[in-house]
Amino acid sequence: MPDALVRIRATPSQGHMDRKDRADNVRKAFAFNPRYADQVKGKTIVLVDDVYTTGSTVKECAGVLLKAGAAKVHVLTLARVANATG
């Protein structure tokens, strides 16, 4: 479901931001696509992220999926930044 989460607000690049600024930057930047309501409700969802830095983006996205009715959200990350700012 590549479009289950939709960016509803443009956000600046987070490369220079600390943990708090990253969380503020992505707050309310994503919405759930209701087209997938039946596929998400009560299910365990695997959210894939390419790079985990502070977790702000995946935390925000997981919250949107849980609010949409997902029972659980697991995150699969391909790479992790060793010394995330903040």
PDB file of N, CA and C in Angstrom:
ATOM      1  N   MET A   1       0.838  -1.174   0.000  1.00  0.00           N
ATOM      2  CA  MET A   1       0.000   0.000   0.000  1.00  0.00           C
ATOM      3  C   MET A   1       0.890   1.245   0.000  1.00  0.00           C
ATOM      4  N   PRO A   2       1.512   1.544  -1.105  1.00  0.00           N
ATOM      5  CA  PRO A   2       2.464   2.656  -1.129  1.00  0.00           C
ATOM      6  C   PRO A   2       1.853   4.033  -0.884  1.00  0.00           C
ATOM      7  N   ASP A   3       0.543   4.162  -1.038  1.00  0.00           N
ATOM      8  CA  ASP A   3      -0.080   5.463  -0.790  1.00  0.00           C
ATOM      9  C   ASP A   3      -1.080   5.419   0.368  1.00  0.00           C
ATOM     10  N   ALA A   4      -0.873   4.500   1.299  1.00  0.00           N
ATOM     11  CA  ALA A   4      -1.734   4.449   2.485  1.00  0.00           C
ATOM     12  C   ALA A   4      -1.502   5.667   3.372  1.00  0.00           C
ATOM     13  N   LEU A   5      -0.278   6.158   3.361  1.00  0.00           N
ATOM     14  CA  LEU A   5       0.044   7.401   4.058  1.00  0.00           C
ATOM     15  C   LEU A   5       0.310   8.465   3.003  1.00  0.00           C
ATOM     16  N   VAL A   6      -0.293   9.623   3.192  1.00  0.00           N
ATOM     17  CA  VAL A   6      -0.176  10.707   2.228  1.00  0.00           C
ATOM     18  C   VAL A   6       0.384  11.931   2.942  1.00  0.00           C
ATOM     19  N   ARG A   7       1.415  12.533   2.356  1.00  0.00           N
ATOM     20  CA  ARG A   7       1.953  13.769   2.930  1.00  0.00           C
ATOM     21  C   ARG A   7       0.960  14.885   2.620  1.00  0.00           C
ATOM     22  N   ILE A   8       0.488  15.551   3.651  1.00  0.00           N
ATOM     23  CA  ILE A   8      -0.515  16.610   3.464  1.00  0.00           C
ATOM     24  C   ILE A   8       0.059  18.001   3.715  1.00  0.00           C
ATOM     25  N   ARG A   9       1.309  18.014   4.141  1.00  0.00           N
ATOM     26  CA  ARG A   9       1.957  19.299   4.404  1.00  0.00           C
ATOM     27  C   ARG A   9       3.424  19.168   4.022  1.00  0.00           C
ATOM     28  N   ALA A  10       3.902  20.104   3.224  1.00  0.00           N
ATOM     29  CA  ALA A  10       5.310  20.094   2.837  1.00  0.00           C
ATOM     30  C   ALA A  10       6.166  20.361   4.072  1.00  0.00           C
ATOM     31  N   THR A  11       7.299  19.676   4.141  1.00  0.00           N
ATOM     32  CA  THR A  11       8.214  19.858   5.263  1.00  0.00           C
ATOM     33  C   THR A  11       9.619  20.115   4.726  1.00  0.00           C
ATOM     34  N   PRO A  12      10.357  20.991   5.386  1.00  0.00           N
ATOM     35  CA  PRO A  12      11.736  21.214   4.952  1.00  0.00           C
ATOM     36  C   PRO A  12      12.612  20.014   5.267  1.00  0.00           C
ATOM     37  N   SER A  13      13.761  19.948   4.625  1.00  0.00           N
ATOM     38  CA  SER A  13      14.726  18.885   4.883  1.00  0.00           C
ATOM     39  C   SER A  13      15.102  18.871   6.359  1.00  0.00           C
ATOM     40  N   GLN A  14      15.275  17.661   6.906  1.00  0.00           N
ATOM     41  CA  GLN A  14      15.552  17.533   8.338  1.00  0.00           C
ATOM     42  C   GLN A  14      17.037  17.308   8.642  1.00  0.00           C
ATOM     43  N   GLY A  15      17.890  17.316   7.626  1.00  0.00           N
ATOM     44  CA  GLY A  15      19.292  16.992   7.800  1.00  0.00           C
ATOM     45  C   GLY A  15      20.009  17.804   8.860  1.00  0.00           C
ATOM     46  N   HIS A  16      19.632  19.042   9.035  1.00  0.00           N
ATOM     47  CA  HIS A  16      20.297  19.937   9.987  1.00  0.00           C
ATOM     48  C   HIS A  16      19.557  20.046  11.329  1.00  0.00           C
ATOM     49  N   MET A  17      18.440  19.351  11.479  1.00  0.00           N
ATOM     50  CA  MET A  17      17.594  19.525  12.660  1.00  0.00           C
ATOM     51  C   MET A  17      17.950  18.552  13.781  1.00  0.00           C
ATOM     52  N   ASP A  18      17.714  18.997  15.022  1.00  0.00           N
ATOM     53  CA  ASP A  18      17.875  18.097  16.160  1.00  0.00           C
ATOM     54  C   ASP A  18      16.575  17.313  16.360  1.00  0.00           C
ATOM     55  N   ARG A  19      16.575  16.439  17.341  1.00  0.00           N
ATOM     56  CA  ARG A  19      15.441  15.540  17.589  1.00  0.00           C
ATOM     57  C   ARG A  19      14.120  16.296  17.763  1.00  0.00           C
ATOM     58  N   LYS A  20      14.104  17.329  18.582  1.00  0.00           N
ATOM     59  CA  LYS A  20      12.863  18.077  18.839  1.00  0.00           C
ATOM     60  C   LYS A  20      12.363  18.771  17.568  1.00  0.00           C
ATOM     61  N   ASP A  21      13.283  19.395  16.850  1.00  0.00           N
ATOM     62  CA  ASP A  21      12.888  20.092  15.628  1.00  0.00           C
ATOM     63  C   ASP A  21      12.357  19.114  14.573  1.00  0.00           C
ATOM     64  N   ARG A  22      12.946  17.919  14.513  1.00  0.00           N
ATOM     65  CA  ARG A  22      12.456  16.912  13.566  1.00  0.00           C
ATOM     66  C   ARG A  22      11.034  16.484  13.916  1.00  0.00           C
ATOM     67  N   ALA A  23      10.778  16.278  15.194  1.00  0.00           N
ATOM     68  CA  ALA A  23       9.430  15.887  15.624  1.00  0.00           C
ATOM     69  C   ALA A  23       8.424  16.987  15.292  1.00  0.00           C
ATOM     70  N   ASP A  24       8.800  18.233  15.563  1.00  0.00           N
ATOM     71  CA  ASP A  24       7.917  19.358  15.237  1.00  0.00           C
ATOM     72  C   ASP A  24       7.695  19.460  13.725  1.00  0.00           C
ATOM     73  N   ASN A  25       8.742  19.197  12.966  1.00  0.00           N
ATOM     74  CA  ASN A  25       8.694  19.323  11.515  1.00  0.00           C
ATOM     75  C   ASN A  25       7.693  18.358  10.877  1.00  0.00           C
ATOM     76  N   VAL A  26       7.603  17.143  11.384  1.00  0.00           N
ATOM     77  CA  VAL A  26       6.713  16.152  10.763  1.00  0.00           C
ATOM     78  C   VAL A  26       5.350  16.035  11.431  1.00  0.00           C
ATOM     79  N   ARG A  27       5.161  16.762  12.536  1.00  0.00           N
ATOM     80  CA  ARG A  27       3.864  16.691  13.232  1.00  0.00           C
ATOM     81  C   ARG A  27       2.737  17.126  12.290  1.00  0.00           C
ATOM     82  N   LYS A  28       1.750  16.268  12.147  1.00  0.00           N
ATOM     83  CA  LYS A  28       0.570  16.497  11.304  1.00  0.00           C
ATOM     84  C   LYS A  28       0.921  16.707   9.832  1.00  0.00           C
ATOM     85  N   ALA A  29       2.024  16.101   9.399  1.00  0.00           N
ATOM     86  CA  ALA A  29       2.427  16.210   7.999  1.00  0.00           C
ATOM     87  C   ALA A  29       1.882  15.055   7.156  1.00  0.00           C
ATOM     88  N   PHE A  30       1.305  14.022   7.818  1.00  0.00           N
ATOM     89  CA  PHE A  30       0.819  12.842   7.114  1.00  0.00           C
ATOM     90  C   PHE A  30      -0.633  12.557   7.467  1.00  0.00           C
ATOM     91  N   ALA A  31      -1.342  11.983   6.507  1.00  0.00           N
ATOM     92  CA  ALA A  31      -2.728  11.565   6.728  1.00  0.00           C
ATOM     93  C   ALA A  31      -2.887  10.156   6.177  1.00  0.00           C
ATOM     94  N   PHE A  32      -3.906   9.476   6.657  1.00  0.00           N
ATOM     95  CA  PHE A  32      -4.221   8.133   6.194  1.00  0.00           C
ATOM     96  C   PHE A  32      -5.149   8.216   5.000  1.00  0.00           C
ATOM     97  N   ASN A  33      -4.885   7.415   3.993  1.00  0.00           N
ATOM     98  CA  ASN A  33      -5.738   7.334   2.822  1.00  0.00           C
ATOM     99  C   ASN A  33      -6.901   6.396   3.158  1.00  0.00           C
ATOM    100  N   PRO A  34      -8.122   6.924   3.308  1.00  0.00           N
ATOM    101  CA  PRO A  34      -9.255   6.105   3.738  1.00  0.00           C
ATOM    102  C   PRO A  34      -9.598   4.967   2.785  1.00  0.00           C
ATOM    103  N   ARG A  35      -9.058   5.003   1.593  1.00  0.00           N
ATOM    104  CA  ARG A  35      -9.269   3.922   0.622  1.00  0.00           C
ATOM    105  C   ARG A  35      -8.797   2.569   1.179  1.00  0.00           C
ATOM    106  N   TYR A  36      -7.871   2.613   2.147  1.00  0.00           N
ATOM    107  CA  TYR A  36      -7.304   1.392   2.711  1.00  0.00           C
ATOM    108  C   TYR A  36      -7.880   1.025   4.080  1.00  0.00           C
ATOM    109  N   ALA A  37      -8.964   1.641   4.463  1.00  0.00           N
ATOM    110  CA  ALA A  37      -9.527   1.424   5.800  1.00  0.00           C
ATOM    111  C   ALA A  37      -9.757  -0.050   6.108  1.00  0.00           C
ATOM    112  N   ASP A  38     -10.348  -0.785   5.187  1.00  0.00           N
ATOM    113  CA  ASP A  38     -10.636  -2.202   5.430  1.00  0.00           C
ATOM    114  C   ASP A  38      -9.375  -3.051   5.530  1.00  0.00           C
ATOM    115  N   GLN A  39      -8.316  -2.639   4.855  1.00  0.00           N
ATOM    116  CA  GLN A  39      -7.073  -3.404   4.864  1.00  0.00           C
ATOM    117  C   GLN A  39      -6.216  -3.127   6.102  1.00  0.00           C
ATOM    118  N   VAL A  40      -6.508  -2.050   6.813  1.00  0.00           N
ATOM    119  CA  VAL A  40      -5.694  -1.657   7.963  1.00  0.00           C
ATOM    120  C   VAL A  40      -6.386  -1.961   9.290  1.00  0.00           C
ATOM    121  N   LYS A  41      -7.671  -1.802   9.340  1.00  0.00           N
ATOM    122  CA  LYS A  41      -8.411  -1.949  10.595  1.00  0.00           C
ATOM    123  C   LYS A  41      -8.160  -3.308  11.250  1.00  0.00           C
ATOM    124  N   GLY A  42      -7.641  -3.252  12.477  1.00  0.00           N
ATOM    125  CA  GLY A  42      -7.412  -4.448  13.263  1.00  0.00           C
ATOM    126  C   GLY A  42      -6.193  -5.268  12.850  1.00  0.00           C
ATOM    127  N   LYS A  43      -5.420  -4.784  11.901  1.00  0.00           N
ATOM    128  CA  LYS A  43      -4.279  -5.536  11.368  1.00  0.00           C
ATOM    129  C   LYS A  43      -2.960  -5.056  11.970  1.00  0.00           C
ATOM    130  N   THR A  44      -1.962  -5.917  11.856  1.00  0.00           N
ATOM    131  CA  THR A  44      -0.593  -5.529  12.171  1.00  0.00           C
ATOM    132  C   THR A  44       0.033  -5.023  10.880  1.00  0.00           C
ATOM    133  N   ILE A  45       0.546  -3.824  10.916  1.00  0.00           N
ATOM    134  CA  ILE A  45       1.100  -3.174   9.732  1.00  0.00           C
ATOM    135  C   ILE A  45       2.616  -3.109   9.866  1.00  0.00           C
ATOM    136  N   VAL A  46       3.314  -3.387   8.776  1.00  0.00           N
ATOM    137  CA  VAL A  46       4.767  -3.211   8.730  1.00  0.00           C
ATOM    138  C   VAL A  46       5.045  -1.934   7.943  1.00  0.00           C
ATOM    139  N   LEU A  47       5.646  -0.981   8.613  1.00  0.00           N
ATOM    140  CA  LEU A  47       6.003   0.308   8.023  1.00  0.00           C
ATOM    141  C   LEU A  47       7.482   0.246   7.661  1.00  0.00           C
ATOM    142  N   VAL A  48       7.801   0.496   6.400  1.00  0.00           N
ATOM    143  CA  VAL A  48       9.183   0.414   5.927  1.00  0.00           C
ATOM    144  C   VAL A  48       9.751   1.825   5.787  1.00  0.00           C
ATOM    145  N   ASP A  49      10.927   2.033   6.371  1.00  0.00           N
ATOM    146  CA  ASP A  49      11.618   3.320   6.289  1.00  0.00           C
ATOM    147  C   ASP A  49      13.035   3.064   5.816  1.00  0.00           C
ATOM    148  N   ASP A  50      13.528   3.895   4.924  1.00  0.00           N
ATOM    149  CA  ASP A  50      14.873   3.657   4.398  1.00  0.00           C
ATOM    150  C   ASP A  50      15.960   3.938   5.428  1.00  0.00           C
ATOM    151  N   VAL A  51      15.884   5.082   6.110  1.00  0.00           N
ATOM    152  CA  VAL A  51      16.907   5.440   7.094  1.00  0.00           C
ATOM    153  C   VAL A  51      16.232   5.935   8.371  1.00  0.00           C
ATOM    154  N   TYR A  52      16.601   5.323   9.482  1.00  0.00           N
ATOM    155  CA  TYR A  52      16.086   5.719  10.795  1.00  0.00           C
ATOM    156  C   TYR A  52      17.123   6.641  11.427  1.00  0.00           C
ATOM    157  N   THR A  53      16.733   7.871  11.684  1.00  0.00           N
ATOM    158  CA  THR A  53      17.652   8.817  12.309  1.00  0.00           C
ATOM    159  C   THR A  53      17.223   9.022  13.755  1.00  0.00           C
ATOM    160  N   THR A  54      16.188   9.791  13.981  1.00  0.00           N
ATOM    161  CA  THR A  54      15.682   9.987  15.348  1.00  0.00           C
ATOM    162  C   THR A  54      14.384   9.248  15.594  1.00  0.00           C
ATOM    163  N   GLY A  55      13.759   8.762  14.533  1.00  0.00           N
ATOM    164  CA  GLY A  55      12.483   8.069  14.667  1.00  0.00           C
ATOM    165  C   GLY A  55      11.270   8.977  14.583  1.00  0.00           C
ATOM    166  N   SER A  56      11.480  10.260  14.384  1.00  0.00           N
ATOM    167  CA  SER A  56      10.364  11.211  14.355  1.00  0.00           C
ATOM    168  C   SER A  56       9.358  10.903  13.255  1.00  0.00           C
ATOM    169  N   THR A  57       9.845  10.601  12.070  1.00  0.00           N
ATOM    170  CA  THR A  57       8.942  10.350  10.951  1.00  0.00           C
ATOM    171  C   THR A  57       8.182   9.052  11.146  1.00  0.00           C
ATOM    172  N   VAL A  58       8.865   7.977  11.527  1.00  0.00           N
ATOM    173  CA  VAL A  58       8.150   6.709  11.711  1.00  0.00           C
ATOM    174  C   VAL A  58       7.184   6.785  12.886  1.00  0.00           C
ATOM    175  N   LYS A  59       7.545   7.527  13.916  1.00  0.00           N
ATOM    176  CA  LYS A  59       6.631   7.681  15.056  1.00  0.00           C
ATOM    177  C   LYS A  59       5.351   8.396  14.614  1.00  0.00           C
ATOM    178  N   GLU A  60       5.506   9.446  13.845  1.00  0.00           N
ATOM    179  CA  GLU A  60       4.340  10.190  13.354  1.00  0.00           C
ATOM    180  C   GLU A  60       3.489   9.314  12.434  1.00  0.00           C
ATOM    181  N   CYS A  61       4.134   8.598  11.527  1.00  0.00           N
ATOM    182  CA  CYS A  61       3.401   7.735  10.592  1.00  0.00           C
ATOM    183  C   CYS A  61       2.718   6.578  11.321  1.00  0.00           C
ATOM    184  N   ALA A  62       3.398   5.987  12.284  1.00  0.00           N
ATOM    185  CA  ALA A  62       2.790   4.901  13.061  1.00  0.00           C
ATOM    186  C   ALA A  62       1.564   5.406  13.812  1.00  0.00           C
ATOM    187  N   GLY A  63       1.649   6.596  14.359  1.00  0.00           N
ATOM    188  CA  GLY A  63       0.504   7.183  15.062  1.00  0.00           C
ATOM    189  C   GLY A  63      -0.692   7.360  14.141  1.00  0.00           C
ATOM    190  N   VAL A  64      -0.446   7.793  12.923  1.00  0.00           N
ATOM    191  CA  VAL A  64      -1.531   7.962  11.941  1.00  0.00           C
ATOM    192  C   VAL A  64      -2.165   6.610  11.630  1.00  0.00           C
ATOM    193  N   LEU A  65      -1.346   5.581  11.461  1.00  0.00           N
ATOM    194  CA  LEU A  65      -1.879   4.244  11.165  1.00  0.00           C
ATOM    195  C   LEU A  65      -2.669   3.675  12.344  1.00  0.00           C
ATOM    196  N   LEU A  66      -2.180   3.883  13.548  1.00  0.00           N
ATOM    197  CA  LEU A  66      -2.917   3.411  14.738  1.00  0.00           C
ATOM    198  C   LEU A  66      -4.253   4.138  14.874  1.00  0.00           C
ATOM    199  N   LYS A  67      -4.238   5.428  14.624  1.00  0.00           N
ATOM    200  CA  LYS A  67      -5.479   6.205  14.683  1.00  0.00           C
ATOM    201  C   LYS A  67      -6.469   5.737  13.614  1.00  0.00           C
ATOM    202  N   ALA A  68      -5.947   5.233  12.501  1.00  0.00           N
ATOM    203  CA  ALA A  68      -6.797   4.732  11.410  1.00  0.00           C
ATOM    204  C   ALA A  68      -7.346   3.342  11.705  1.00  0.00           C
ATOM    205  N   GLY A  69      -6.905   2.746  12.821  1.00  0.00           N
ATOM    206  CA  GLY A  69      -7.472   1.459  13.208  1.00  0.00           C
ATOM    207  C   GLY A  69      -6.519   0.282  13.215  1.00  0.00           C
ATOM    208  N   ALA A  70      -5.259   0.501  12.853  1.00  0.00           N
ATOM    209  CA  ALA A  70      -4.294  -0.603  12.896  1.00  0.00           C
ATOM    210  C   ALA A  70      -4.156  -1.096  14.337  1.00  0.00           C
ATOM    211  N   ALA A  71      -4.032  -2.403  14.500  1.00  0.00           N
ATOM    212  CA  ALA A  71      -3.862  -2.974  15.836  1.00  0.00           C
ATOM    213  C   ALA A  71      -2.439  -2.753  16.342  1.00  0.00           C
ATOM    214  N   LYS A  72      -1.468  -2.920  15.448  1.00  0.00           N
ATOM    215  CA  LYS A  72      -0.051  -2.750  15.772  1.00  0.00           C
ATOM    216  C   LYS A  72       0.661  -2.210  14.548  1.00  0.00           C
ATOM    217  N   VAL A  73       1.773  -1.531  14.805  1.00  0.00           N
ATOM    218  CA  VAL A  73       2.630  -1.084  13.708  1.00  0.00           C
ATOM    219  C   VAL A  73       4.052  -1.480  14.061  1.00  0.00           C
ATOM    220  N   HIS A  74       4.672  -2.260  13.175  1.00  0.00           N
ATOM    221  CA  HIS A  74       6.080  -2.620  13.311  1.00  0.00           C
ATOM    222  C   HIS A  74       6.846  -1.829  12.262  1.00  0.00           C
ATOM    223  N   VAL A  75       8.082  -1.463  12.595  1.00  0.00           N
ATOM    224  CA  VAL A  75       8.894  -0.681  11.671  1.00  0.00           C
ATOM    225  C   VAL A  75      10.068  -1.521  11.193  1.00  0.00           C
ATOM    226  N   LEU A  76      10.261  -1.572   9.894  1.00  0.00           N
ATOM    227  CA  LEU A  76      11.401  -2.226   9.274  1.00  0.00           C
ATOM    228  C   LEU A  76      12.251  -1.128   8.659  1.00  0.00           C
ATOM    229  N   THR A  77      13.506  -1.035   9.120  1.00  0.00           N
ATOM    230  CA  THR A  77      14.391   0.024   8.646  1.00  0.00           C
ATOM    231  C   THR A  77      15.595  -0.594   7.944  1.00  0.00           C
ATOM    232  N   LEU A  78      16.003   0.007   6.849  1.00  0.00           N
ATOM    233  CA  LEU A  78      17.110  -0.516   6.079  1.00  0.00           C
ATOM    234  C   LEU A  78      18.467  -0.036   6.598  1.00  0.00           C
ATOM    235  N   ALA A  79      18.512   1.154   7.187  1.00  0.00           N
ATOM    236  CA  ALA A  79      19.757   1.695   7.733  1.00  0.00           C
ATOM    237  C   ALA A  79      19.429   2.585   8.920  1.00  0.00           C
ATOM    238  N   ARG A  80      20.398   2.699   9.814  1.00  0.00           N
ATOM    239  CA  ARG A  80      20.210   3.546  10.994  1.00  0.00           C
ATOM    240  C   ARG A  80      21.390   4.481  11.114  1.00  0.00           C
ATOM    241  N   VAL A  81      21.131   5.755  11.421  1.00  0.00           N
ATOM    242  CA  VAL A  81      22.198   6.717  11.652  1.00  0.00           C
ATOM    243  C   VAL A  81      22.751   6.463  13.037  1.00  0.00           C
ATOM    244  N   ALA A  82      24.057   6.272  13.142  1.00  0.00           N
ATOM    245  CA  ALA A  82      24.682   5.900  14.408  1.00  0.00           C
ATOM    246  C   ALA A  82      24.634   7.009  15.448  1.00  0.00           C
ATOM    247  N   ASN A  83      24.832   8.246  15.049  1.00  0.00           N
ATOM    248  CA  ASN A  83      24.849   9.360  15.991  1.00  0.00           C
ATOM    249  C   ASN A  83      23.844  10.417  15.569  1.00  0.00           C
ATOM    250  N   ALA A  84      22.580  10.107  15.779  1.00  0.00           N
ATOM    251  CA  ALA A  84      21.523  11.037  15.423  1.00  0.00           C
ATOM    252  C   ALA A  84      21.616  12.275  16.301  1.00  0.00           C
ATOM    253  N   THR A  85      21.312  13.433  15.731  1.00  0.00           N
ATOM    254  CA  THR A  85      21.379  14.668  16.497  1.00  0.00           C
ATOM    255  C   THR A  85      20.253  14.739  17.504  1.00  0.00           C
ATOM    256  N   GLY A  86      20.525  15.405  18.578  1.00  0.00           N
ATOM    257  CA  GLY A  86      19.496  15.659  19.571  1.00  0.00           C
ATOM    258  C   GLY A  86      19.476  14.667  20.644  1.00  0.00           C
TER     259      GLY A  86
END
